[in-house]
Amino acid sequence: MNIQQRQYLANGLREVANLTVGALLLGQFLAEEFDWLWTLVGLGVWIGFYSWGLLLLRAEVD
């Protein structure tokens, strides 16, 4: 992948991470029940996608 492709994919992954945390965490507050498992899953997915995006951006420097 060239630099522009990596930047585009990294930005997309960060957007997916933000949408995921918005859906899973914000949805918990709108639901009638609060489930800690979905909260932890949302945080885990957010950290995973965000980290993957940052690794792609870091790989272009090396």
C-alpha atoms as a PDB file:
ATOM      1  CA  MET A   1       0.000   0.000   0.000  1.00  0.00           C
ATOM      2  CA  ASN A   2       1.168   3.478  -0.669  1.00  0.00           C
ATOM      3  CA  ILE A   3       1.028   6.303   1.876  1.00  0.00           C
ATOM      4  CA  GLN A   4      -2.288   7.748   0.704  1.00  0.00           C
ATOM      5  CA  GLN A   5      -3.989   4.345   0.843  1.00  0.00           C
ATOM      6  CA  ARG A   6      -2.704   3.762   4.368  1.00  0.00           C
ATOM      7  CA  GLN A   7      -3.936   7.173   5.496  1.00  0.00           C
ATOM      8  CA  TYR A   8      -7.356   6.563   3.942  1.00  0.00           C
ATOM      9  CA  LEU A   9      -7.672   3.134   5.576  1.00  0.00           C
ATOM     10  CA  ALA A  10      -6.434   4.442   8.940  1.00  0.00           C
ATOM     11  CA  ASN A  11      -8.984   7.271   8.877  1.00  0.00           C
ATOM     12  CA  GLY A  12     -11.717   4.803   7.975  1.00  0.00           C
ATOM     13  CA  LEU A  13     -10.770   2.508  10.839  1.00  0.00           C
ATOM     14  CA  ARG A  14     -10.861   5.384  13.288  1.00  0.00           C
ATOM     15  CA  GLU A  15     -14.312   6.365  12.016  1.00  0.00           C
ATOM     16  CA  VAL A  16     -15.535   2.779  12.406  1.00  0.00           C
ATOM     17  CA  ALA A  17     -14.103   2.772  15.929  1.00  0.00           C
ATOM     18  CA  ASN A  18     -16.020   5.935  16.798  1.00  0.00           C
ATOM     19  CA  LEU A  19     -19.248   4.568  15.300  1.00  0.00           C
ATOM     20  CA  THR A  20     -18.809   1.337  17.238  1.00  0.00           C
ATOM     21  CA  VAL A  21     -18.277   3.071  20.542  1.00  0.00           C
ATOM     22  CA  GLY A  22     -21.216   5.318  19.790  1.00  0.00           C
ATOM     23  CA  ALA A  23     -23.514   2.411  19.021  1.00  0.00           C
ATOM     24  CA  LEU A  24     -22.460   0.097  21.829  1.00  0.00           C
ATOM     25  CA  LEU A  25     -21.858   2.593  24.617  1.00  0.00           C
ATOM     26  CA  LEU A  26     -24.380   5.285  23.854  1.00  0.00           C
ATOM     27  CA  GLY A  27     -26.947   2.609  23.136  1.00  0.00           C
ATOM     28  CA  GLN A  28     -26.473   1.317  26.662  1.00  0.00           C
ATOM     29  CA  PHE A  29     -27.676   4.609  28.071  1.00  0.00           C
ATOM     30  CA  LEU A  30     -30.713   4.622  25.801  1.00  0.00           C
ATOM     31  CA  ALA A  31     -31.651   1.021  26.591  1.00  0.00           C
ATOM     32  CA  GLU A  32     -33.748   0.060  29.558  1.00  0.00           C
ATOM     33  CA  GLU A  33     -30.973  -2.158  30.931  1.00  0.00           C
ATOM     34  CA  PHE A  34     -27.298  -1.367  31.297  1.00  0.00           C
ATOM     35  CA  ASP A  35     -25.065  -4.349  30.477  1.00  0.00           C
ATOM     36  CA  TRP A  36     -21.397  -4.099  31.441  1.00  0.00           C
ATOM     37  CA  LEU A  37     -20.453  -6.841  28.995  1.00  0.00           C
ATOM     38  CA  TRP A  38     -21.525  -4.735  25.981  1.00  0.00           C
ATOM     39  CA  THR A  39     -19.779  -1.735  27.477  1.00  0.00           C
ATOM     40  CA  LEU A  40     -16.515  -3.674  27.697  1.00  0.00           C
ATOM     41  CA  VAL A  41     -17.006  -5.106  24.193  1.00  0.00           C
ATOM     42  CA  GLY A  42     -17.554  -1.597  22.844  1.00  0.00           C
ATOM     43  CA  LEU A  43     -14.430  -0.287  24.518  1.00  0.00           C
ATOM     44  CA  GLY A  44     -12.418  -3.283  23.323  1.00  0.00           C
ATOM     45  CA  VAL A  45     -13.540  -2.885  19.723  1.00  0.00           C
ATOM     46  CA  TRP A  46     -12.867   0.855  19.860  1.00  0.00           C
ATOM     47  CA  ILE A  47      -9.354   0.320  21.208  1.00  0.00           C
ATOM     48  CA  GLY A  48      -8.695  -2.396  18.636  1.00  0.00           C
ATOM     49  CA  PHE A  49      -9.796  -0.426  15.573  1.00  0.00           C
ATOM     50  CA  TYR A  50      -8.194   2.796  16.763  1.00  0.00           C
ATOM     51  CA  SER A  51      -4.905   1.011  17.486  1.00  0.00           C
ATOM     52  CA  TRP A  52      -4.967  -0.694  14.099  1.00  0.00           C
ATOM     53  CA  GLY A  53      -5.435   2.680  12.423  1.00  0.00           C
ATOM     54  CA  LEU A  54      -2.563   4.187  14.378  1.00  0.00           C
ATOM     55  CA  LEU A  55      -0.326   1.237  13.493  1.00  0.00           C
ATOM     56  CA  LEU A  56      -1.059   1.778   9.814  1.00  0.00           C
ATOM     57  CA  LEU A  57      -0.082   5.409  10.131  1.00  0.00           C
ATOM     58  CA  ARG A  58       3.045   4.517  12.053  1.00  0.00           C
ATOM     59  CA  ALA A  59       4.053   1.911   9.479  1.00  0.00           C
ATOM     60  CA  GLU A  60       4.314   4.600   6.792  1.00  0.00           C
ATOM     61  CA  VAL A  61       7.050   6.367   8.768  1.00  0.00           C
ATOM     62  CA  ASP A  62       9.244   3.279   9.057  1.00  0.00           C
END
